[in-house]
Protein backbone atom coordinates (compact mmCIF):
# COMPACT_ATOMS: atom_id res chain seq x y z
CA MET A 1 131.68 126.02 19.15
CA LYS A 2 134.95 125.73 17.71
CA ALA A 3 136.75 122.37 18.83
CA THR A 4 139.80 122.68 20.71
CA PRO A 5 142.74 121.51 18.54
CA THR A 6 144.86 118.54 19.85
CA HIS A 7 148.27 119.16 21.42
CA ALA A 8 149.74 117.50 18.26
CA ALA A 9 147.93 119.85 15.86
CA ALA A 10 148.78 122.99 17.73
CA ALA A 11 152.33 121.80 18.33
CA GLU A 12 152.63 121.33 14.42
CA GLU A 13 151.81 124.71 13.67
CA PHE A 14 154.45 126.07 16.16
CA LEU A 15 157.09 123.96 14.69
CA LYS A 16 156.46 125.40 11.30
CA ASP A 17 158.76 128.10 12.39
CA GLU A 18 161.90 126.13 13.23
CA GLU A 19 164.01 128.94 14.00
CA ARG A 20 161.79 129.90 16.83
CA SER A 21 160.96 126.47 17.94
CA HIS A 22 164.83 125.90 18.28
CA TRP A 23 165.27 129.29 20.02
CA HIS A 24 162.43 128.49 22.39
CA ASP A 25 164.03 125.22 23.27
CA ASP A 26 167.39 126.56 23.97
CA THR A 27 165.92 129.25 25.98
CA LEU A 28 163.91 127.13 28.29
CA TRP A 29 166.92 124.72 28.69
CA HIS A 30 169.01 127.68 29.90
CA VAL A 31 166.53 128.01 32.79
CA ARG A 32 166.66 124.36 33.46
CA SER A 33 170.38 124.75 33.79
CA LYS A 34 170.35 127.56 36.03
CA ARG A 35 167.94 125.66 38.38
CA ASP A 36 170.38 122.65 38.28
CA VAL A 37 173.39 124.91 39.49
CA ALA A 38 171.12 126.59 42.25
CA ALA A 39 170.01 123.00 43.44
CA GLN A 40 173.58 121.71 43.45
CA LYS A 41 174.73 124.50 45.89
CA ILE A 42 172.41 123.23 48.75
CA PRO A 43 173.74 120.02 49.99
CA GLU A 44 170.26 119.04 51.67
CA TRP A 45 168.44 119.75 48.36
CA GLU A 46 166.79 116.30 48.35
CA SER A 47 165.95 116.53 51.96
CA LEU A 48 164.17 119.56 51.33
CA ARG A 49 162.16 118.13 48.55
CA THR A 50 161.27 115.20 50.73
CA THR A 51 160.17 117.40 53.52
CA ALA A 52 157.95 119.68 51.32
CA SER A 53 156.19 116.78 49.84
CA GLN A 54 155.67 115.32 53.21
CA ILE A 55 154.15 118.78 54.32
CA LYS A 56 152.03 118.75 51.35
CA ASP A 57 150.84 114.94 52.22
CA ASN A 58 149.71 116.28 55.38
CA VAL A 59 147.73 119.38 54.10
CA LEU A 60 145.95 117.27 51.58
CA SER A 61 145.05 114.56 54.19
CA ASN A 62 143.88 117.47 56.61
CA LEU A 63 142.74 120.19 54.28
CA ASP A 64 139.07 120.34 55.33
CA GLN A 65 140.41 121.13 58.87
CA LEU A 66 143.27 123.25 58.04
CA LEU A 67 140.95 125.45 55.79
CA LEU A 68 138.61 126.08 58.68
CA GLN A 69 141.64 126.90 60.92
CA PHE A 70 142.83 129.25 58.20
CA GLU A 71 139.43 130.86 57.78
CA LYS A 72 139.19 131.31 61.52
CA ASN A 73 142.48 133.11 62.05
CA ALA A 74 142.30 134.92 58.95
CA ILE A 75 138.69 136.53 60.08
CA GLU A 76 140.20 137.28 63.51
CA ASN A 77 142.95 139.29 61.85
CA GLY A 78 140.13 141.52 60.13
CA ILE A 79 139.99 139.88 56.70
CA GLU A 80 136.85 138.98 55.07
CA VAL A 81 136.83 135.56 53.93
CA LEU A 82 134.73 134.41 50.82
CA TRP A 83 134.42 130.94 49.47
CA ALA A 84 133.74 130.17 45.71
CA LYS A 85 132.93 126.79 44.38
CA ASP A 86 134.07 127.46 40.86
CA ALA A 87 135.41 130.05 38.60
CA ASP A 88 131.76 131.85 38.03
CA GLU A 89 131.41 132.27 41.76
CA HIS A 90 135.00 133.67 42.22
CA ASN A 91 134.45 136.20 39.54
CA GLN A 92 130.87 137.34 41.08
CA HIS A 93 132.49 137.80 44.30
CA VAL A 94 135.28 140.20 42.80
CA LEU A 95 132.48 141.89 40.74
CA ARG A 96 130.53 142.60 43.94
CA ILE A 97 133.37 143.71 46.09
CA LEU A 98 134.29 146.11 43.33
CA GLU A 99 130.75 147.38 42.83
CA GLU A 100 130.16 147.83 46.69
CA ASN A 101 133.38 149.88 46.91
CA GLN A 102 132.63 151.75 43.86
CA VAL A 103 136.01 150.67 42.15
CA LYS A 104 136.51 151.21 38.38
CA ASN A 105 140.36 150.97 38.17
CA LEU A 106 142.60 148.08 39.40
CA VAL A 107 145.81 146.76 39.19
CA LYS A 108 146.75 142.77 39.17
CA SER A 109 149.78 141.07 40.05
CA LYS A 110 150.46 137.59 38.63
CA SER A 111 147.89 135.11 39.46
CA ILE A 112 147.54 131.82 37.66
CA LEU A 113 144.07 131.38 39.47
CA THR A 114 142.48 134.47 38.02
CA GLU A 115 143.67 133.11 34.51
CA GLU A 116 142.08 130.12 35.23
CA CYS A 117 138.84 131.75 36.48
CA GLY A 118 138.95 134.22 33.21
CA LEU A 119 138.60 137.14 35.60
CA ASN A 120 140.49 139.77 33.16
CA HIS A 121 137.90 139.16 30.39
CA PHE A 122 135.01 138.86 32.74
CA LEU A 123 135.71 142.28 34.34
CA GLU A 124 136.67 144.08 31.04
CA ASP A 125 133.24 142.91 29.49
CA LYS A 126 131.57 144.77 32.67
CA GLY A 127 133.45 147.81 31.67
CA TYR A 128 136.48 147.70 34.28
CA ASP A 129 139.91 148.95 33.45
CA VAL A 130 142.02 145.72 34.45
CA VAL A 131 145.92 146.26 34.41
CA ASP A 132 148.23 143.37 34.77
CA THR A 133 151.28 144.82 36.42
CA ASP A 134 153.70 142.07 36.06
CA LEU A 135 155.91 142.99 33.12
CA GLY A 136 155.56 139.72 31.25
CA GLU A 137 151.96 139.79 31.93
CA ARG A 138 151.39 143.26 30.81
CA ILE A 139 153.13 142.42 27.71
CA ILE A 140 150.73 139.68 26.83
CA GLN A 141 147.96 141.72 27.84
CA PHE A 142 148.86 144.37 25.12
CA ASN A 143 149.30 141.66 22.55
CA LYS A 144 145.91 140.07 23.51
CA GLN A 145 147.36 136.73 24.28
CA VAL A 146 147.33 134.37 27.39
CA PRO A 147 150.42 133.29 29.29
CA SER A 148 152.59 130.50 27.61
CA HIS A 149 154.41 129.83 30.78
CA ILE A 150 153.35 130.24 34.38
CA VAL A 151 156.42 132.03 35.55
CA MET A 152 157.50 133.51 32.36
CA PRO A 153 154.31 134.31 30.73
CA ALA A 154 155.83 136.17 27.72
CA ILE A 155 158.82 133.74 27.18
CA HIS A 156 157.74 132.86 23.59
CA LEU A 157 158.35 136.40 22.53
CA LYS A 158 161.62 137.85 21.42
CA LYS A 159 163.06 141.11 22.21
CA LYS A 160 162.17 142.72 18.88
CA GLU A 161 158.52 141.81 19.23
CA ILE A 162 158.23 143.22 22.50
CA GLY A 163 159.82 146.58 21.17
CA ASP A 164 157.23 146.54 18.47
CA ILE A 165 154.36 145.98 21.15
CA PHE A 166 155.74 148.77 23.34
CA HIS A 167 156.04 151.00 20.26
CA GLU A 168 152.32 150.37 19.33
CA HIS A 169 150.95 150.89 23.03
CA LEU A 170 153.58 152.93 24.92
CA GLY A 171 154.95 155.08 22.17
CA THR A 172 158.58 153.99 22.47
CA ASP A 173 161.10 154.39 19.56
CA ALA A 174 160.19 152.33 16.58
CA GLY A 175 162.79 149.32 16.39
CA ALA A 176 164.02 149.88 19.85
CA ASP A 177 164.61 146.49 21.68
CA ASP A 178 167.17 147.35 24.46
CA PRO A 179 165.81 145.57 27.50
CA ALA A 180 166.75 148.38 29.68
CA TYR A 181 165.04 151.17 27.61
CA LEU A 182 161.87 149.11 27.26
CA THR A 183 161.79 148.16 30.97
CA GLU A 184 162.06 151.77 32.07
CA ALA A 185 159.10 152.68 29.61
CA ALA A 186 157.06 149.97 31.32
CA ARG A 187 157.95 151.36 34.83
CA GLN A 188 156.51 154.73 33.94
CA HIS A 189 153.63 153.58 32.20
CA LEU A 190 152.70 151.20 35.26
CA ARG A 191 153.61 153.90 37.83
CA GLN A 192 150.63 155.98 36.65
CA LYS A 193 148.40 152.74 36.68
CA PHE A 194 149.45 152.15 40.25
CA ILE A 195 148.74 155.65 41.39
CA GLN A 196 145.08 155.74 39.68
CA ALA A 197 144.02 152.27 40.78
CA LYS A 198 141.51 151.96 43.77
CA ALA A 199 141.87 148.00 44.20
CA ALA A 200 144.73 145.71 43.78
CA ILE A 201 144.12 142.08 43.10
CA THR A 202 147.08 139.35 43.90
CA GLY A 203 147.20 135.85 43.79
CA VAL A 204 148.48 133.77 46.88
CA ASN A 205 151.72 131.66 46.82
CA PHE A 206 151.16 130.15 50.32
CA GLY A 207 148.39 130.52 52.87
CA ILE A 208 149.47 129.87 56.48
CA ALA A 209 146.77 127.85 58.46
CA GLU A 210 148.45 128.58 61.86
CA THR A 211 148.35 132.59 61.35
CA GLY A 212 145.57 133.19 58.93
CA GLY A 213 148.18 135.17 56.82
CA PHE A 214 149.22 134.62 53.22
CA VAL A 215 152.38 135.09 51.32
CA VAL A 216 152.87 136.65 47.70
CA CYS A 217 156.24 136.12 45.96
CA THR A 218 157.32 138.30 43.26
CA ASN A 219 160.37 139.67 41.43
CA GLU A 220 159.26 143.05 40.46
CA GLY A 221 157.70 144.25 43.54
CA ASN A 222 154.41 144.95 41.86
CA ALA A 223 152.14 143.31 44.30
CA ASP A 224 153.44 145.23 47.01
CA MET A 225 153.24 148.53 45.05
CA GLY A 226 149.65 147.76 44.08
CA THR A 227 148.35 146.75 47.53
CA HIS A 228 150.28 149.64 49.28
CA LEU A 229 148.67 152.42 47.25
CA ALA A 230 145.22 150.87 46.83
CA ASP A 231 142.47 150.99 49.35
CA LEU A 232 141.21 147.65 48.56
CA HIS A 233 143.16 144.46 48.25
CA ILE A 234 141.54 141.08 47.05
CA ALA A 235 143.62 138.08 47.14
CA CYS A 236 142.62 135.03 45.21
CA MET A 237 143.67 131.72 46.49
CA GLY A 238 143.27 127.87 45.36
CA ILE A 239 142.30 125.85 48.46
CA GLU A 240 145.33 123.73 47.98
CA LYS A 241 147.83 126.53 48.68
CA LEU A 242 147.81 126.08 52.32
CA ILE A 243 150.67 124.95 54.67
CA PRO A 244 150.18 124.42 58.15
CA ARG A 245 152.61 126.58 59.97
CA ALA A 246 154.81 129.75 59.39
CA ALA A 247 157.72 127.34 60.34
CA ASP A 248 157.14 125.49 56.97
CA LEU A 249 157.43 128.41 54.92
CA GLY A 250 160.96 128.41 54.67
CA VAL A 251 161.23 124.99 53.34
CA PHE A 252 159.26 126.12 50.19
CA LEU A 253 160.86 129.51 49.80
CA ARG A 254 164.10 127.92 49.44
CA LEU A 255 162.74 125.49 46.76
CA LEU A 256 160.50 127.66 44.83
CA ALA A 257 162.72 130.34 43.37
CA ARG A 258 165.72 127.90 42.75
CA SER A 259 163.10 125.52 40.77
CA ALA A 260 161.65 128.37 38.87
CA THR A 261 164.59 130.66 37.72
CA GLY A 262 167.71 129.44 39.57
CA GLN A 263 167.39 132.31 41.90
CA SER A 264 168.20 131.80 45.75
CA ILE A 265 164.83 133.37 46.61
CA THR A 266 162.41 135.71 44.87
CA ASN A 267 163.25 139.48 45.00
CA TYR A 268 160.12 140.14 47.25
CA THR A 269 158.42 137.72 49.73
CA SER A 270 155.57 139.70 50.93
CA HIS A 271 153.52 138.82 53.98
CA PHE A 272 150.09 139.74 54.58
CA HIS A 273 148.19 139.37 57.97
CA ARG A 274 145.49 142.13 58.12
CA PRO A 275 144.15 145.21 56.49
CA ARG A 276 145.87 148.43 57.32
CA PRO A 277 143.82 151.18 59.27
CA GLY A 278 141.20 152.57 56.89
CA LYS A 279 141.75 149.84 54.26
CA LYS A 280 140.00 146.62 53.41
CA MET A 281 141.14 142.98 52.78
CA TYR A 282 139.23 140.17 51.06
CA LEU A 283 140.49 136.60 50.63
CA ILE A 284 138.58 134.41 48.18
CA LEU A 285 139.30 130.73 48.85
CA VAL A 286 138.58 128.84 45.41
CA ASP A 287 137.81 125.30 44.84
CA ASN A 288 136.93 124.99 41.03
CA GLY A 289 137.58 121.15 40.77
CA ARG A 290 140.07 120.86 43.39
CA THR A 291 138.10 118.67 45.79
CA ASN A 292 137.31 116.40 42.70
CA GLN A 293 141.04 115.98 42.05
CA LEU A 294 141.57 115.42 45.77
CA GLY A 295 139.10 112.54 45.55
CA ARG A 296 141.10 110.92 42.87
CA GLU A 297 143.68 108.78 44.46
CA ASP A 298 145.89 108.40 41.50
CA PHE A 299 145.92 112.05 40.84
CA ARG A 300 145.70 113.73 44.21
CA ASN A 301 149.29 114.37 44.43
CA SER A 302 149.10 116.81 41.35
CA LEU A 303 147.59 119.20 44.22
CA LYS A 304 150.87 119.68 45.82
CA CYS A 305 152.29 121.92 43.01
CA ILE A 306 153.65 125.03 44.07
CA ARG A 307 153.53 126.65 40.54
CA CYS A 308 157.50 126.81 39.92
CA GLY A 309 157.33 125.64 36.27
CA ALA A 310 160.36 123.45 36.65
CA CYS A 311 158.66 120.58 34.74
CA MET A 312 157.90 122.93 31.77
CA ASN A 313 161.76 124.20 31.63
CA THR A 314 162.66 120.43 31.43
CA CYS A 315 160.17 118.97 29.34
CA PRO A 316 161.45 118.16 25.69
CA ILE A 317 157.73 118.35 24.36
CA TYR A 318 156.87 121.69 26.13
CA ARG A 319 160.35 123.25 25.07
CA ARG A 320 159.67 122.37 21.51
CA SER A 321 155.91 123.20 21.40
CA SER A 322 155.41 126.06 23.57
CA GLY A 323 152.62 126.79 26.11
CA PHE A 324 150.18 127.59 23.42
CA SER A 325 149.90 123.93 22.11
CA TYR A 326 148.18 122.96 25.26
CA GLY A 327 145.36 124.96 25.18
CA SER A 328 145.12 125.10 29.02
CA THR A 329 145.83 127.54 31.68
CA VAL A 330 148.48 125.78 33.23
CA PRO A 331 150.47 123.93 30.42
CA GLY A 332 153.43 121.57 30.15
CA PRO A 333 153.56 118.50 32.06
CA ILE A 334 151.74 119.57 35.49
CA GLY A 335 148.80 121.03 33.15
CA SER A 336 148.69 117.60 31.51
CA ILE A 337 147.65 116.05 34.81
CA LEU A 338 145.52 118.80 36.13
CA SER A 339 143.67 119.83 32.92
CA PRO A 340 141.95 116.41 32.24
CA GLY A 341 140.45 116.60 35.66
CA MET A 342 138.52 119.78 34.71
CA ASP A 343 137.42 118.62 31.23
CA LEU A 344 138.55 115.16 29.98
CA LYS A 345 137.28 115.59 26.37
CA LYS A 346 138.72 118.91 25.73
CA HIS A 347 142.21 118.01 27.32
CA SER A 348 142.31 114.34 26.35
CA SER A 349 145.33 114.84 24.10
CA LEU A 350 147.48 116.47 26.61
CA PRO A 351 148.79 113.20 28.77
CA PHE A 352 150.00 111.78 25.49
CA ALA A 353 152.06 114.92 24.98
CA SER A 354 154.98 113.44 26.88
CA THR A 355 157.84 110.99 26.29
CA LEU A 356 157.28 109.74 29.90
CA CYS A 357 161.08 110.19 30.43
CA GLY A 358 160.35 111.07 34.17
CA SER A 359 162.51 114.50 33.93
CA CYS A 360 159.39 116.44 35.13
CA THR A 361 159.31 114.07 38.14
CA ASP A 362 162.91 114.49 38.84
CA VAL A 363 163.06 118.14 38.99
CA CYS A 364 159.66 118.90 40.85
CA PRO A 365 160.62 120.39 44.24
CA VAL A 366 157.64 118.78 46.06
CA LYS A 367 158.14 115.13 44.27
CA ILE A 368 155.05 114.88 42.33
CA ASN A 369 155.07 111.74 40.47
CA ILE A 370 154.07 113.46 37.06
CA HIS A 371 155.21 111.03 34.59
CA GLU A 372 153.34 108.27 36.36
CA GLN A 373 150.12 110.30 36.64
CA LEU A 374 150.43 111.14 32.77
CA TYR A 375 150.59 107.37 32.06
CA LYS A 376 147.61 106.70 34.34
CA TRP A 377 145.71 109.65 32.67
CA ARG A 378 146.30 107.62 29.48
CA GLN A 379 144.77 104.62 30.74
CA VAL A 380 141.85 106.61 31.98
CA ILE A 381 141.22 108.41 28.66
CA THR A 382 141.51 105.09 26.60
CA LYS A 383 138.88 103.66 28.72
CA GLU A 384 136.59 106.43 29.20
CA GLY A 385 137.49 109.43 27.01
CA PRO A 386 137.08 109.99 23.19
CA SER A 387 139.22 108.00 20.90
CA GLN A 388 139.91 108.00 17.15
CA PRO A 389 138.58 104.54 15.71
CA SER A 390 141.49 104.18 13.71
CA LYS A 391 143.58 104.31 16.76
CA LYS A 392 141.38 101.71 18.60
CA TRP A 393 141.55 99.33 15.49
CA ALA A 394 145.40 99.59 15.34
CA MET A 395 145.74 98.87 19.10
CA ARG A 396 143.27 95.79 18.74
CA PHE A 397 145.27 94.61 15.95
CA GLY A 398 148.56 95.14 17.40
CA GLY A 399 147.42 93.22 20.53
CA ASN A 400 146.21 90.63 18.62
CA VAL A 401 149.64 90.02 16.52
CA MET A 402 151.85 90.53 19.76
CA SER A 403 149.75 87.86 21.56
CA LYS A 404 150.54 85.10 19.02
CA PRO A 405 154.37 84.30 18.66
CA LYS A 406 154.29 82.78 15.29
CA LEU A 407 151.91 85.56 13.93
CA PHE A 408 154.36 88.24 15.38
CA ASP A 409 157.54 86.43 13.85
CA MET A 410 155.60 86.20 10.54
CA MET A 411 154.56 89.94 10.65
CA GLY A 412 157.93 91.06 11.70
CA ASN A 413 159.65 89.30 8.86
CA LEU A 414 157.15 90.61 6.36
CA ALA A 415 157.70 94.24 7.67
CA ARG A 416 161.32 94.04 7.28
CA LYS A 417 161.36 92.85 3.74
CA SER A 418 158.54 95.37 2.73
CA LEU A 419 160.34 98.44 4.21
CA SER A 420 163.73 97.43 2.49
CA ILE A 421 162.17 97.24 -0.89
CA SER A 422 159.44 100.07 -0.74
CA PRO A 423 160.01 103.45 -2.42
CA ARG A 424 160.45 106.54 -0.09
CA GLY A 425 157.12 107.71 -0.98
CA PHE A 426 155.28 104.76 0.18
CA VAL A 427 156.92 104.80 3.61
CA TYR A 428 157.07 108.64 4.18
CA ASN A 429 153.58 109.92 3.68
CA SER A 430 150.64 111.24 5.62
CA PHE A 431 149.85 108.23 7.48
CA ASN A 432 153.57 108.16 9.02
CA ALA A 433 153.51 110.61 11.73
CA TRP A 434 156.68 109.50 12.92
CA GLY A 435 158.37 110.17 9.78
CA LYS A 436 157.36 113.61 9.52
CA HIS A 437 160.39 115.03 11.22
CA ARG A 438 162.68 111.89 11.49
CA GLU A 439 164.07 109.26 9.35
CA LEU A 440 163.44 105.67 10.26
CA PRO A 441 166.12 103.64 11.70
CA GLU A 442 168.02 101.31 8.96
CA VAL A 443 165.95 97.93 8.70
CA PRO A 444 167.70 95.19 10.36
CA LYS A 445 168.27 91.93 8.31
CA GLU A 446 166.96 89.91 10.90
CA SER A 447 165.00 90.07 14.30
CA PHE A 448 166.46 89.92 17.67
CA LYS A 449 165.06 86.43 18.21
CA GLU A 450 166.80 85.22 14.96
CA TRP A 451 169.99 86.82 16.01
CA TYR A 452 169.79 85.51 19.48
CA ARG A 453 169.32 81.94 18.55
CA LYS A 454 172.36 82.06 16.28
CA ASN A 455 174.71 83.73 18.93
CA ARG A 456 173.49 82.46 22.14
CA LYS A 457 176.14 79.62 22.38
CA GLN A 458 178.78 82.40 22.20
């Protein structure tokens, strides 16, 4: 089996196209700036964040009871509730439902959970026609890619590239890249898919324990179109997506879209409580490692995530390296604290793909301490996970030097003299990862300790 490249290796590949990496950086920062403008218009913004975080604290501390309450109320509403311990069981549930209802054509609205479970490929291998109806998702489905961002899945593609994809798959004019023209072509294409589909699959943004209902938020109305036309609705929900009461929903809706794209609210906030007469509704509650994460005291807060993507839009590493560099369903800072809990060996490089600047924590609408968890995962990985022998040796050597003041002074003096007289090729080589894209600072003539001794009386 081919090894997953580290984040650093994948990022290096992306950065070879400097023009694209700068464009990607600027585009995501623009979205982050819109988030700031939207947040600053709400005087009680920080109070909302605190309230949302506290609600999620309550959910995580009472998750077992809230799930049972949610299941009970959903069943009373006429929804068939199923439980899945992992991705495979989730996919088998979906397959069984489709087989029992003799469905071959289905439409999907955006669902990070189904991406996590690999549902599309699983069903396609069984001969099913699975159509993603979110515009960005449909673009990357045509392009045989996975989402590079959880809110804007095709953010890595430019207009011309999308035009070329539509020309190949939808027959649009060659070279056409007008957004209105391409969007209209997608609408006409997807409209036929909606009409033909016998089942609709959606994700779930919020499940409400008090009522047994759930909420799906979209900007394109594709979830509504799919569920209204199809006879069968399958909703796939991570068990952490619960909130206790309907009254709590307003807090999260005010935070979600503003944090994600700078909108005041998503264009469509769709509430589902029960199947319509003659229709069927299924709800699959998925664990897939979530209870394990809940049991990790240092990392349980990561389950508060409402999938807004704000941490990605602000992260200097994500913006410059793209979501594909992470090799995980959820990229960026939040993915870097969720993914190691799923597979420590595969995702051991992700917590190190961070400057620990804390910007992700600052913008998180539910106040997840992301940068602190990144630091703690580094400690776990260093102790338990795979590590390069050279890195272990270097850290051991560095620790030995820093623990002995005289040795530290001597090594510092030696390094300053060596760097000042060494030829450039000796300093900037394959062993100096820092110097690949940066110039080292000018070598000081003396250490801070030496400077302080001479100047402290002044």
